[in-house]
Amino acid sequence: DVAKWRARFGDKVKEASPLQHPGPGLPPTLILHGKADTTAPYADVERFCAAARAQKEDCQVVGYDRASHGFFNQRNGPMDWYSDTLKQADQFLTRLGYLPPAAPPASR
């Protein structure tokens, strides 16, 4: 909630928010986000990525239905969310060239 963040950051609450900084020079960004997140609403990350893409920056959002804040931790949600976030990160980093493409499975 805003009051909690204002108490922590004072008048600089907006400066501390990534939502205020989607401008030029943003590194390639992958956001794995719960659509039921009330700490950082899903609409905010969609707006952030849209603003970044409008400036020709690479920003990708992957949304997870019924998932709240921190959903991808094994202890906080179904194992398939955890596995999928790892897969999404791997694909993103591979697309950027930071990871080599996965080797095809060996035939028997």
PDB file of N, CA and C in Angstrom:
ATOM      1  N   ASP A   1       0.835  -1.180   0.000  1.00  0.00           N
ATOM      2  CA  ASP A   1       0.000   0.000   0.000  1.00  0.00           C
ATOM      3  C   ASP A   1       0.880   1.245   0.000  1.00  0.00           C
ATOM      4  N   VAL A   2       0.367   2.322  -0.537  1.00  0.00           N
ATOM      5  CA  VAL A   2       1.148   3.543  -0.744  1.00  0.00           C
ATOM      6  C   VAL A   2       1.651   4.125   0.572  1.00  0.00           C
ATOM      7  N   ALA A   3       0.837   4.081   1.618  1.00  0.00           N
ATOM      8  CA  ALA A   3       1.241   4.643   2.914  1.00  0.00           C
ATOM      9  C   ALA A   3       2.497   3.955   3.438  1.00  0.00           C
ATOM     10  N   LYS A   4       2.566   2.647   3.271  1.00  0.00           N
ATOM     11  CA  LYS A   4       3.752   1.887   3.728  1.00  0.00           C
ATOM     12  C   LYS A   4       5.003   2.343   2.970  1.00  0.00           C
ATOM     13  N   TRP A   5       4.868   2.499   1.656  1.00  0.00           N
ATOM     14  CA  TRP A   5       6.016   2.924   0.846  1.00  0.00           C
ATOM     15  C   TRP A   5       6.382   4.373   1.135  1.00  0.00           C
ATOM     16  N   ARG A   6       5.376   5.232   1.338  1.00  0.00           N
ATOM     17  CA  ARG A   6       5.649   6.637   1.651  1.00  0.00           C
ATOM     18  C   ARG A   6       6.378   6.735   2.994  1.00  0.00           C
ATOM     19  N   ALA A   7       6.005   5.885   3.968  1.00  0.00           N
ATOM     20  CA  ALA A   7       6.686   5.887   5.262  1.00  0.00           C
ATOM     21  C   ALA A   7       8.147   5.481   5.098  1.00  0.00           C
ATOM     22  N   ARG A   8       8.398   4.582   4.187  1.00  0.00           N
ATOM     23  CA  ARG A   8       9.766   4.095   3.984  1.00  0.00           C
ATOM     24  C   ARG A   8      10.618   5.046   3.153  1.00  0.00           C
ATOM     25  N   PHE A   9      10.033   5.621   2.098  1.00  0.00           N
ATOM     26  CA  PHE A   9      10.807   6.438   1.162  1.00  0.00           C
ATOM     27  C   PHE A   9      10.522   7.932   1.253  1.00  0.00           C
ATOM     28  N   GLY A  10       9.535   8.326   2.035  1.00  0.00           N
ATOM     29  CA  GLY A  10       9.213   9.741   2.165  1.00  0.00           C
ATOM     30  C   GLY A  10       8.770  10.345   0.845  1.00  0.00           C
ATOM     31  N   ASP A  11       9.249  11.546   0.566  1.00  0.00           N
ATOM     32  CA  ASP A  11       8.865  12.251  -0.655  1.00  0.00           C
ATOM     33  C   ASP A  11       9.472  11.635  -1.910  1.00  0.00           C
ATOM     34  N   LYS A  12      10.374  10.695  -1.754  1.00  0.00           N
ATOM     35  CA  LYS A  12      11.044  10.087  -2.910  1.00  0.00           C
ATOM     36  C   LYS A  12      10.389   8.780  -3.331  1.00  0.00           C
ATOM     37  N   VAL A  13       9.155   8.552  -2.889  1.00  0.00           N
ATOM     38  CA  VAL A  13       8.476   7.293  -3.181  1.00  0.00           C
ATOM     39  C   VAL A  13       8.382   7.062  -4.692  1.00  0.00           C
ATOM     40  N   LYS A  14       8.093   8.089  -5.472  1.00  0.00           N
ATOM     41  CA  LYS A  14       8.002   7.906  -6.920  1.00  0.00           C
ATOM     42  C   LYS A  14       9.368   7.607  -7.525  1.00  0.00           C
ATOM     43  N   GLU A  15      10.410   8.260  -7.027  1.00  0.00           N
ATOM     44  CA  GLU A  15      11.756   8.011  -7.542  1.00  0.00           C
ATOM     45  C   GLU A  15      12.196   6.567  -7.310  1.00  0.00           C
ATOM     46  N   ALA A  16      11.718   5.961  -6.231  1.00  0.00           N
ATOM     47  CA  ALA A  16      12.098   4.593  -5.897  1.00  0.00           C
ATOM     48  C   ALA A  16      11.354   3.558  -6.731  1.00  0.00           C
ATOM     49  N   SER A  17      10.293   3.976  -7.390  1.00  0.00           N
ATOM     50  CA  SER A  17       9.473   3.041  -8.153  1.00  0.00           C
ATOM     51  C   SER A  17      10.027   2.802  -9.549  1.00  0.00           C
ATOM     52  N   PRO A  18      10.207   1.539  -9.932  1.00  0.00           N
ATOM     53  CA  PRO A  18      10.648   1.244 -11.293  1.00  0.00           C
ATOM     54  C   PRO A  18       9.669   1.774 -12.340  1.00  0.00           C
ATOM     55  N   LEU A  19       8.407   1.942 -11.956  1.00  0.00           N
ATOM     56  CA  LEU A  19       7.408   2.436 -12.900  1.00  0.00           C
ATOM     57  C   LEU A  19       7.763   3.806 -13.448  1.00  0.00           C
ATOM     58  N   GLN A  20       8.588   4.537 -12.727  1.00  0.00           N
ATOM     59  CA  GLN A  20       8.956   5.890 -13.142  1.00  0.00           C
ATOM     60  C   GLN A  20      10.175   5.919 -14.057  1.00  0.00           C
ATOM     61  N   HIS A  21      10.746   4.745 -14.365  1.00  0.00           N
ATOM     62  CA  HIS A  21      12.017   4.722 -15.099  1.00  0.00           C
ATOM     63  C   HIS A  21      12.033   3.757 -16.285  1.00  0.00           C
ATOM     64  N   PRO A  22      11.034   3.806 -17.166  1.00  0.00           N
ATOM     65  CA  PRO A  22      11.066   2.886 -18.317  1.00  0.00           C
ATOM     66  C   PRO A  22      11.783   3.475 -19.530  1.00  0.00           C
ATOM     67  N   GLY A  23      12.616   4.467 -19.331  1.00  0.00           N
ATOM     68  CA  GLY A  23      13.196   5.233 -20.430  1.00  0.00           C
ATOM     69  C   GLY A  23      14.357   4.576 -21.142  1.00  0.00           C
ATOM     70  N   PRO A  24      14.997   5.353 -22.003  1.00  0.00           N
ATOM     71  CA  PRO A  24      16.129   4.872 -22.786  1.00  0.00           C
ATOM     72  C   PRO A  24      17.233   4.305 -21.892  1.00  0.00           C
ATOM     73  N   GLY A  25      17.857   3.252 -22.364  1.00  0.00           N
ATOM     74  CA  GLY A  25      18.942   2.636 -21.617  1.00  0.00           C
ATOM     75  C   GLY A  25      18.494   1.541 -20.669  1.00  0.00           C
ATOM     76  N   LEU A  26      17.190   1.281 -20.627  1.00  0.00           N
ATOM     77  CA  LEU A  26      16.684   0.196 -19.790  1.00  0.00           C
ATOM     78  C   LEU A  26      17.250  -1.122 -20.315  1.00  0.00           C
ATOM     79  N   PRO A  27      17.831  -1.950 -19.458  1.00  0.00           N
ATOM     80  CA  PRO A  27      18.321  -3.239 -19.954  1.00  0.00           C
ATOM     81  C   PRO A  27      17.151  -4.121 -20.367  1.00  0.00           C
ATOM     82  N   PRO A  28      17.399  -5.120 -21.188  1.00  0.00           N
ATOM     83  CA  PRO A  28      16.319  -6.054 -21.527  1.00  0.00           C
ATOM     84  C   PRO A  28      15.671  -6.559 -20.234  1.00  0.00           C
ATOM     85  N   THR A  29      14.349  -6.535 -20.216  1.00  0.00           N
ATOM     86  CA  THR A  29      13.617  -6.786 -18.978  1.00  0.00           C
ATOM     87  C   THR A  29      12.575  -7.881 -19.168  1.00  0.00           C
ATOM     88  N   LEU A  30      12.617  -8.872 -18.298  1.00  0.00           N
ATOM     89  CA  LEU A  30      11.601  -9.917 -18.237  1.00  0.00           C
ATOM     90  C   LEU A  30      10.916  -9.790 -16.886  1.00  0.00           C
ATOM     91  N   ILE A  31       9.598  -9.630 -16.892  1.00  0.00           N
ATOM     92  CA  ILE A  31       8.842  -9.532 -15.652  1.00  0.00           C
ATOM     93  C   ILE A  31       7.895 -10.727 -15.579  1.00  0.00           C
ATOM     94  N   LEU A  32       8.087 -11.553 -14.573  1.00  0.00           N
ATOM     95  CA  LEU A  32       7.241 -12.714 -14.300  1.00  0.00           C
ATOM     96  C   LEU A  32       6.342 -12.295 -13.143  1.00  0.00           C
ATOM     97  N   HIS A  33       5.044 -12.128 -13.417  1.00  0.00           N
ATOM     98  CA  HIS A  33       4.212 -11.419 -12.449  1.00  0.00           C
ATOM     99  C   HIS A  33       2.867 -12.097 -12.226  1.00  0.00           C
ATOM    100  N   GLY A  34       2.477 -12.165 -10.967  1.00  0.00           N
ATOM    101  CA  GLY A  34       1.171 -12.709 -10.623  1.00  0.00           C
ATOM    102  C   GLY A  34       0.062 -11.721 -10.933  1.00  0.00           C
ATOM    103  N   LYS A  35      -0.966 -12.202 -11.596  1.00  0.00           N
ATOM    104  CA  LYS A  35      -2.091 -11.328 -11.948  1.00  0.00           C
ATOM    105  C   LYS A  35      -2.953 -10.972 -10.746  1.00  0.00           C
ATOM    106  N   ALA A  36      -2.794 -11.699  -9.633  1.00  0.00           N
ATOM    107  CA  ALA A  36      -3.534 -11.406  -8.407  1.00  0.00           C
ATOM    108  C   ALA A  36      -2.664 -10.658  -7.395  1.00  0.00           C
ATOM    109  N   ASP A  37      -1.539 -10.134  -7.829  1.00  0.00           N
ATOM    110  CA  ASP A  37      -0.621  -9.412  -6.943  1.00  0.00           C
ATOM    111  C   ASP A  37      -1.255  -8.093  -6.517  1.00  0.00           C
ATOM    112  N   THR A  38      -1.370  -7.883  -5.211  1.00  0.00           N
ATOM    113  CA  THR A  38      -1.913  -6.624  -4.703  1.00  0.00           C
ATOM    114  C   THR A  38      -0.798  -5.706  -4.202  1.00  0.00           C
ATOM    115  N   THR A  39       0.430  -6.223  -4.083  1.00  0.00           N
ATOM    116  CA  THR A  39       1.570  -5.399  -3.677  1.00  0.00           C
ATOM    117  C   THR A  39       2.039  -4.540  -4.841  1.00  0.00           C
ATOM    118  N   ALA A  40       2.166  -5.156  -5.999  1.00  0.00           N
ATOM    119  CA  ALA A  40       2.540  -4.461  -7.238  1.00  0.00           C
ATOM    120  C   ALA A  40       1.535  -4.927  -8.288  1.00  0.00           C
ATOM    121  N   PRO A  41       0.476  -4.169  -8.503  1.00  0.00           N
ATOM    122  CA  PRO A  41      -0.592  -4.611  -9.403  1.00  0.00           C
ATOM    123  C   PRO A  41      -0.103  -4.942 -10.814  1.00  0.00           C
ATOM    124  N   TYR A  42      -0.712  -5.971 -11.376  1.00  0.00           N
ATOM    125  CA  TYR A  42      -0.353  -6.440 -12.713  1.00  0.00           C
ATOM    126  C   TYR A  42      -0.490  -5.330 -13.753  1.00  0.00           C
ATOM    127  N   ALA A  43      -1.506  -4.515 -13.627  1.00  0.00           N
ATOM    128  CA  ALA A  43      -1.707  -3.413 -14.585  1.00  0.00           C
ATOM    129  C   ALA A  43      -0.513  -2.463 -14.588  1.00  0.00           C
ATOM    130  N   ASP A  44       0.146  -2.292 -13.444  1.00  0.00           N
ATOM    131  CA  ASP A  44       1.319  -1.412 -13.376  1.00  0.00           C
ATOM    132  C   ASP A  44       2.474  -1.957 -14.203  1.00  0.00           C
ATOM    133  N   VAL A  45       2.714  -3.269 -14.136  1.00  0.00           N
ATOM    134  CA  VAL A  45       3.831  -3.821 -14.906  1.00  0.00           C
ATOM    135  C   VAL A  45       3.511  -3.830 -16.398  1.00  0.00           C
ATOM    136  N   GLU A  46       2.243  -4.019 -16.737  1.00  0.00           N
ATOM    137  CA  GLU A  46       1.862  -3.922 -18.150  1.00  0.00           C
ATOM    138  C   GLU A  46       2.106  -2.502 -18.661  1.00  0.00           C
ATOM    139  N   ARG A  47       1.754  -1.520 -17.846  1.00  0.00           N
ATOM    140  CA  ARG A  47       1.969  -0.121 -18.220  1.00  0.00           C
ATOM    141  C   ARG A  47       3.467   0.183 -18.342  1.00  0.00           C
ATOM    142  N   PHE A  48       4.263  -0.337 -17.413  1.00  0.00           N
ATOM    143  CA  PHE A  48       5.718  -0.138 -17.452  1.00  0.00           C
ATOM    144  C   PHE A  48       6.295  -0.692 -18.752  1.00  0.00           C
ATOM    145  N   CYS A  49       5.930  -1.936 -19.087  1.00  0.00           N
ATOM    146  CA  CYS A  49       6.477  -2.554 -20.302  1.00  0.00           C
ATOM    147  C   CYS A  49       5.989  -1.837 -21.557  1.00  0.00           C
ATOM    148  N   ALA A  50       4.760  -1.403 -21.556  1.00  0.00           N
ATOM    149  CA  ALA A  50       4.245  -0.670 -22.715  1.00  0.00           C
ATOM    150  C   ALA A  50       5.038   0.624 -22.913  1.00  0.00           C
ATOM    151  N   ALA A  51       5.339   1.320 -21.820  1.00  0.00           N
ATOM    152  CA  ALA A  51       6.130   2.550 -21.911  1.00  0.00           C
ATOM    153  C   ALA A  51       7.547   2.252 -22.390  1.00  0.00           C
ATOM    154  N   ALA A  52       8.133   1.169 -21.904  1.00  0.00           N
ATOM    155  CA  ALA A  52       9.486   0.792 -22.334  1.00  0.00           C
ATOM    156  C   ALA A  52       9.497   0.424 -23.817  1.00  0.00           C
ATOM    157  N   ARG A  53       8.518  -0.375 -24.242  1.00  0.00           N
ATOM    158  CA  ARG A  53       8.451  -0.777 -25.653  1.00  0.00           C
ATOM    159  C   ARG A  53       8.201   0.425 -26.558  1.00  0.00           C
ATOM    160  N   ALA A  54       7.452   1.410 -26.078  1.00  0.00           N
ATOM    161  CA  ALA A  54       7.208   2.625 -26.865  1.00  0.00           C
ATOM    162  C   ALA A  54       8.514   3.364 -27.137  1.00  0.00           C
ATOM    163  N   GLN A  55       9.517   3.136 -26.275  1.00  0.00           N
ATOM    164  CA  GLN A  55      10.827   3.751 -26.465  1.00  0.00           C
ATOM    165  C   GLN A  55      11.823   2.761 -27.079  1.00  0.00           C
ATOM    166  N   LYS A  56      11.276   1.704 -27.686  1.00  0.00           N
ATOM    167  CA  LYS A  56      12.071   0.683 -28.387  1.00  0.00           C
ATOM    168  C   LYS A  56      12.961  -0.124 -27.462  1.00  0.00           C
ATOM    169  N   GLU A  57      12.579  -0.227 -26.190  1.00  0.00           N
ATOM    170  CA  GLU A  57      13.313  -1.066 -25.239  1.00  0.00           C
ATOM    171  C   GLU A  57      12.667  -2.447 -25.202  1.00  0.00           C
ATOM    172  N   ASP A  58      13.455  -3.455 -24.853  1.00  0.00           N
ATOM    173  CA  ASP A  58      12.995  -4.840 -24.799  1.00  0.00           C
ATOM    174  C   ASP A  58      12.402  -5.117 -23.428  1.00  0.00           C
ATOM    175  N   CYS A  59      11.086  -5.289 -23.377  1.00  0.00           N
ATOM    176  CA  CYS A  59      10.412  -5.569 -22.113  1.00  0.00           C
ATOM    177  C   CYS A  59       9.323  -6.597 -22.369  1.00  0.00           C
ATOM    178  N   GLN A  60       9.361  -7.674 -21.594  1.00  0.00           N
ATOM    179  CA  GLN A  60       8.407  -8.768 -21.753  1.00  0.00           C
ATOM    180  C   GLN A  60       7.756  -9.064 -20.405  1.00  0.00           C
ATOM    181  N   VAL A  61       6.429  -9.175 -20.412  1.00  0.00           N
ATOM    182  CA  VAL A  61       5.685  -9.546 -19.205  1.00  0.00           C
ATOM    183  C   VAL A  61       5.056 -10.910 -19.429  1.00  0.00           C
ATOM    184  N   VAL A  62       5.226 -11.797 -18.456  1.00  0.00           N
ATOM    185  CA  VAL A  62       4.529 -13.084 -18.452  1.00  0.00           C
ATOM    186  C   VAL A  62       3.661 -13.077 -17.200  1.00  0.00           C
ATOM    187  N   GLY A  63       2.343 -13.150 -17.404  1.00  0.00           N
ATOM    188  CA  GLY A  63       1.414 -13.101 -16.287  1.00  0.00           C
ATOM    189  C   GLY A  63       0.940 -14.486 -15.877  1.00  0.00           C
ATOM    190  N   TYR A  64       0.699 -14.642 -14.581  1.00  0.00           N
ATOM    191  CA  TYR A  64       0.246 -15.912 -14.027  1.00  0.00           C
ATOM    192  C   TYR A  64      -1.083 -15.707 -13.308  1.00  0.00           C
ATOM    193  N   ASP A  65      -2.133 -16.328 -13.840  1.00  0.00           N
ATOM    194  CA  ASP A  65      -3.463 -16.232 -13.244  1.00  0.00           C
ATOM    195  C   ASP A  65      -3.456 -16.738 -11.807  1.00  0.00           C
ATOM    196  N   ARG A  66      -4.216 -16.087 -10.942  1.00  0.00           N
ATOM    197  CA  ARG A  66      -4.402 -16.452  -9.531  1.00  0.00           C
ATOM    198  C   ARG A  66      -3.116 -16.396  -8.707  1.00  0.00           C
ATOM    199  N   ALA A  67      -2.045 -15.849  -9.251  1.00  0.00           N
ATOM    200  CA  ALA A  67      -0.772 -15.800  -8.529  1.00  0.00           C
ATOM    201  C   ALA A  67      -0.607 -14.444  -7.846  1.00  0.00           C
ATOM    202  N   SER A  68      -0.136 -14.468  -6.598  1.00  0.00           N
ATOM    203  CA  SER A  68       0.090 -13.238  -5.852  1.00  0.00           C
ATOM    204  C   SER A  68       1.582 -12.895  -5.830  1.00  0.00           C
ATOM    205  N   HIS A  69       1.961 -11.947  -5.007  1.00  0.00           N
ATOM    206  CA  HIS A  69       3.345 -11.469  -4.929  1.00  0.00           C
ATOM    207  C   HIS A  69       4.268 -12.590  -4.437  1.00  0.00           C
ATOM    208  N   GLY A  70       5.387 -12.789  -5.109  1.00  0.00           N
ATOM    209  CA  GLY A  70       6.336 -13.825  -4.705  1.00  0.00           C
ATOM    210  C   GLY A  70       5.883 -15.226  -5.044  1.00  0.00           C
ATOM    211  N   PHE A  71       4.950 -15.345  -5.966  1.00  0.00           N
ATOM    212  CA  PHE A  71       4.331 -16.633  -6.291  1.00  0.00           C
ATOM    213  C   PHE A  71       5.313 -17.688  -6.783  1.00  0.00           C
ATOM    214  N   PHE A  72       6.407 -17.283  -7.387  1.00  0.00           N
ATOM    215  CA  PHE A  72       7.298 -18.232  -8.062  1.00  0.00           C
ATOM    216  C   PHE A  72       8.202 -18.996  -7.114  1.00  0.00           C
ATOM    217  N   ASN A  73       8.277 -18.577  -5.860  1.00  0.00           N
ATOM    218  CA  ASN A  73       9.076 -19.325  -4.893  1.00  0.00           C
ATOM    219  C   ASN A  73       8.411 -20.673  -4.642  1.00  0.00           C
ATOM    220  N   GLN A  74       9.181 -21.722  -4.573  1.00  0.00           N
ATOM    221  CA  GLN A  74       8.626 -23.065  -4.404  1.00  0.00           C
ATOM    222  C   GLN A  74       7.666 -23.145  -3.230  1.00  0.00           C
ATOM    223  N   ARG A  75       7.961 -22.453  -2.174  1.00  0.00           N
ATOM    224  CA  ARG A  75       7.133 -22.569  -0.971  1.00  0.00           C
ATOM    225  C   ARG A  75       5.827 -21.782  -1.076  1.00  0.00           C
ATOM    226  N   ASN A  76       5.700 -20.894  -2.076  1.00  0.00           N
ATOM    227  CA  ASN A  76       4.531 -20.022  -2.159  1.00  0.00           C
ATOM    228  C   ASN A  76       3.488 -20.450  -3.170  1.00  0.00           C
ATOM    229  N   GLY A  77       3.766 -21.408  -4.005  1.00  0.00           N
ATOM    230  CA  GLY A  77       2.785 -21.749  -5.031  1.00  0.00           C
ATOM    231  C   GLY A  77       3.040 -23.120  -5.610  1.00  0.00           C
ATOM    232  N   PRO A  78       2.221 -23.465  -6.597  1.00  0.00           N
ATOM    233  CA  PRO A  78       2.382 -24.770  -7.231  1.00  0.00           C
ATOM    234  C   PRO A  78       3.762 -24.903  -7.893  1.00  0.00           C
ATOM    235  N   MET A  79       4.259 -26.101  -7.909  1.00  0.00           N
ATOM    236  CA  MET A  79       5.568 -26.360  -8.503  1.00  0.00           C
ATOM    237  C   MET A  79       5.587 -25.965  -9.977  1.00  0.00           C
ATOM    238  N   ASP A  80       4.446 -26.053 -10.683  1.00  0.00           N
ATOM    239  CA  ASP A  80       4.464 -25.713 -12.100  1.00  0.00           C
ATOM    240  C   ASP A  80       4.753 -24.232 -12.320  1.00  0.00           C
ATOM    241  N   TRP A  81       4.374 -23.336 -11.367  1.00  0.00           N
ATOM    242  CA  TRP A  81       4.733 -21.926 -11.497  1.00  0.00           C
ATOM    243  C   TRP A  81       6.245 -21.768 -11.397  1.00  0.00           C
ATOM    244  N   TYR A  82       6.834 -22.423 -10.427  1.00  0.00           N
ATOM    245  CA  TYR A  82       8.286 -22.353 -10.239  1.00  0.00           C
ATOM    246  C   TYR A  82       8.997 -22.847 -11.495  1.00  0.00           C
ATOM    247  N   SER A  83       8.588 -23.994 -11.992  1.00  0.00           N
ATOM    248  CA  SER A  83       9.214 -24.575 -13.184  1.00  0.00           C
ATOM    249  C   SER A  83       9.027 -23.672 -14.400  1.00  0.00           C
ATOM    250  N   ASP A  84       7.826 -23.107 -14.552  1.00  0.00           N
ATOM    251  CA  ASP A  84       7.584 -22.255 -15.703  1.00  0.00           C
ATOM    252  C   ASP A  84       8.397 -20.966 -15.642  1.00  0.00           C
ATOM    253  N   THR A  85       8.558 -20.383 -14.450  1.00  0.00           N
ATOM    254  CA  THR A  85       9.366 -19.164 -14.371  1.00  0.00           C
ATOM    255  C   THR A  85      10.814 -19.446 -14.740  1.00  0.00           C
ATOM    256  N   LEU A  86      11.334 -20.605 -14.342  1.00  0.00           N
ATOM    257  CA  LEU A  86      12.694 -20.977 -14.749  1.00  0.00           C
ATOM    258  C   LEU A  86      12.778 -21.139 -16.264  1.00  0.00           C
ATOM    259  N   LYS A  87      11.773 -21.773 -16.859  1.00  0.00           N
ATOM    260  CA  LYS A  87      11.735 -21.964 -18.307  1.00  0.00           C
ATOM    261  C   LYS A  87      11.664 -20.613 -19.024  1.00  0.00           C
ATOM    262  N   GLN A  88      10.813 -19.721 -18.541  1.00  0.00           N
ATOM    263  CA  GLN A  88      10.674 -18.401 -19.165  1.00  0.00           C
ATOM    264  C   GLN A  88      11.986 -17.621 -19.092  1.00  0.00           C
ATOM    265  N   ALA A  89      12.643 -17.653 -17.944  1.00  0.00           N
ATOM    266  CA  ALA A  89      13.927 -16.955 -17.791  1.00  0.00           C
ATOM    267  C   ALA A  89      14.980 -17.553 -18.720  1.00  0.00           C
ATOM    268  N   ASP A  90      15.008 -18.870 -18.825  1.00  0.00           N
ATOM    269  CA  ASP A  90      15.959 -19.544 -19.708  1.00  0.00           C
ATOM    270  C   ASP A  90      15.725 -19.127 -21.169  1.00  0.00           C
ATOM    271  N   GLN A  91      14.474 -19.115 -21.597  1.00  0.00           N
ATOM    272  CA  GLN A  91      14.159 -18.723 -22.974  1.00  0.00           C
ATOM    273  C   GLN A  91      14.531 -17.264 -23.234  1.00  0.00           C
ATOM    274  N   PHE A  92      14.265 -16.396 -22.277  1.00  0.00           N
ATOM    275  CA  PHE A  92      14.584 -14.977 -22.410  1.00  0.00           C
ATOM    276  C   PHE A  92      16.089 -14.780 -22.550  1.00  0.00           C
ATOM    277  N   LEU A  93      16.856 -15.407 -21.664  1.00  0.00           N
ATOM    278  CA  LEU A  93      18.315 -15.262 -21.703  1.00  0.00           C
ATOM    279  C   LEU A  93      18.912 -15.908 -22.943  1.00  0.00           C
ATOM    280  N   THR A  94      18.303 -16.986 -23.425  1.00  0.00           N
ATOM    281  CA  THR A  94      18.760 -17.623 -24.661  1.00  0.00           C
ATOM    282  C   THR A  94      18.495 -16.690 -25.844  1.00  0.00           C
ATOM    283  N   ARG A  95      17.315 -16.088 -25.884  1.00  0.00           N
ATOM    284  CA  ARG A  95      16.985 -15.159 -26.973  1.00  0.00           C
ATOM    285  C   ARG A  95      17.969 -13.996 -27.028  1.00  0.00           C
ATOM    286  N   LEU A  96      18.430 -13.544 -25.856  1.00  0.00           N
ATOM    287  CA  LEU A  96      19.376 -12.436 -25.791  1.00  0.00           C
ATOM    288  C   LEU A  96      20.808 -12.861 -26.076  1.00  0.00           C
ATOM    289  N   GLY A  97      21.056 -14.174 -26.139  1.00  0.00           N
ATOM    290  CA  GLY A  97      22.397 -14.669 -26.404  1.00  0.00           C
ATOM    291  C   GLY A  97      23.242 -14.891 -25.170  1.00  0.00           C
ATOM    292  N   TYR A  98      22.651 -14.764 -23.982  1.00  0.00           N
ATOM    293  CA  TYR A  98      23.396 -14.997 -22.746  1.00  0.00           C
ATOM    294  C   TYR A  98      23.538 -16.475 -22.427  1.00  0.00           C
ATOM    295  N   LEU A  99      22.636 -17.288 -22.963  1.00  0.00           N
ATOM    296  CA  LEU A  99      22.697 -18.737 -22.792  1.00  0.00           C
ATOM    297  C   LEU A  99      22.678 -19.380 -24.173  1.00  0.00           C
ATOM    298  N   PRO A 100      23.363 -20.511 -24.317  1.00  0.00           N
ATOM    299  CA  PRO A 100      23.290 -21.204 -25.613  1.00  0.00           C
ATOM    300  C   PRO A 100      21.939 -21.886 -25.758  1.00  0.00           C
ATOM    301  N   PRO A 101      21.501 -22.100 -26.993  1.00  0.00           N
ATOM    302  CA  PRO A 101      20.243 -22.845 -27.184  1.00  0.00           C
ATOM    303  C   PRO A 101      20.352 -24.225 -26.550  1.00  0.00           C
ATOM    304  N   ALA A 102      19.228 -24.703 -26.061  1.00  0.00           N
ATOM    305  CA  ALA A 102      19.208 -26.039 -25.444  1.00  0.00           C
ATOM    306  C   ALA A 102      19.514 -27.090 -26.502  1.00  0.00           C
ATOM    307  N   ALA A 103      20.279 -28.078 -26.112  1.00  0.00           N
ATOM    308  CA  ALA A 103      20.578 -29.187 -27.019  1.00  0.00           C
ATOM    309  C   ALA A 103      19.340 -30.038 -27.193  1.00  0.00           C
ATOM    310  N   PRO A 104      19.107 -30.533 -28.412  1.00  0.00           N
ATOM    311  CA  PRO A 104      17.950 -31.415 -28.583  1.00  0.00           C
ATOM    312  C   PRO A 104      18.128 -32.684 -27.765  1.00  0.00           C
ATOM    313  N   PRO A 105      17.024 -33.282 -27.329  1.00  0.00           N
ATOM    314  CA  PRO A 105      17.154 -34.516 -26.537  1.00  0.00           C
ATOM    315  C   PRO A 105      17.821 -35.612 -27.368  1.00  0.00           C
ATOM    316  N   ALA A 106      18.631 -36.389 -26.693  1.00  0.00           N
ATOM    317  CA  ALA A 106      19.323 -37.495 -27.380  1.00  0.00           C
ATOM    318  C   ALA A 106      18.318 -38.574 -27.770  1.00  0.00           C
ATOM    319  N   SER A 107      18.487 -39.103 -28.989  1.00  0.00           N
ATOM    320  CA  SER A 107      17.587 -40.200 -29.402  1.00  0.00           C
ATOM    321  C   SER A 107      18.127 -41.502 -28.863  1.00  0.00           C
ATOM    322  N   ARG A 108      17.212 -42.411 -28.658  1.00  0.00           N
ATOM    323  CA  ARG A 108      17.596 -43.707 -28.077  1.00  0.00           C
ATOM    324  C   ARG A 108      17.814 -44.725 -29.138  1.00  0.00           C
TER     325      ARG A 108
END
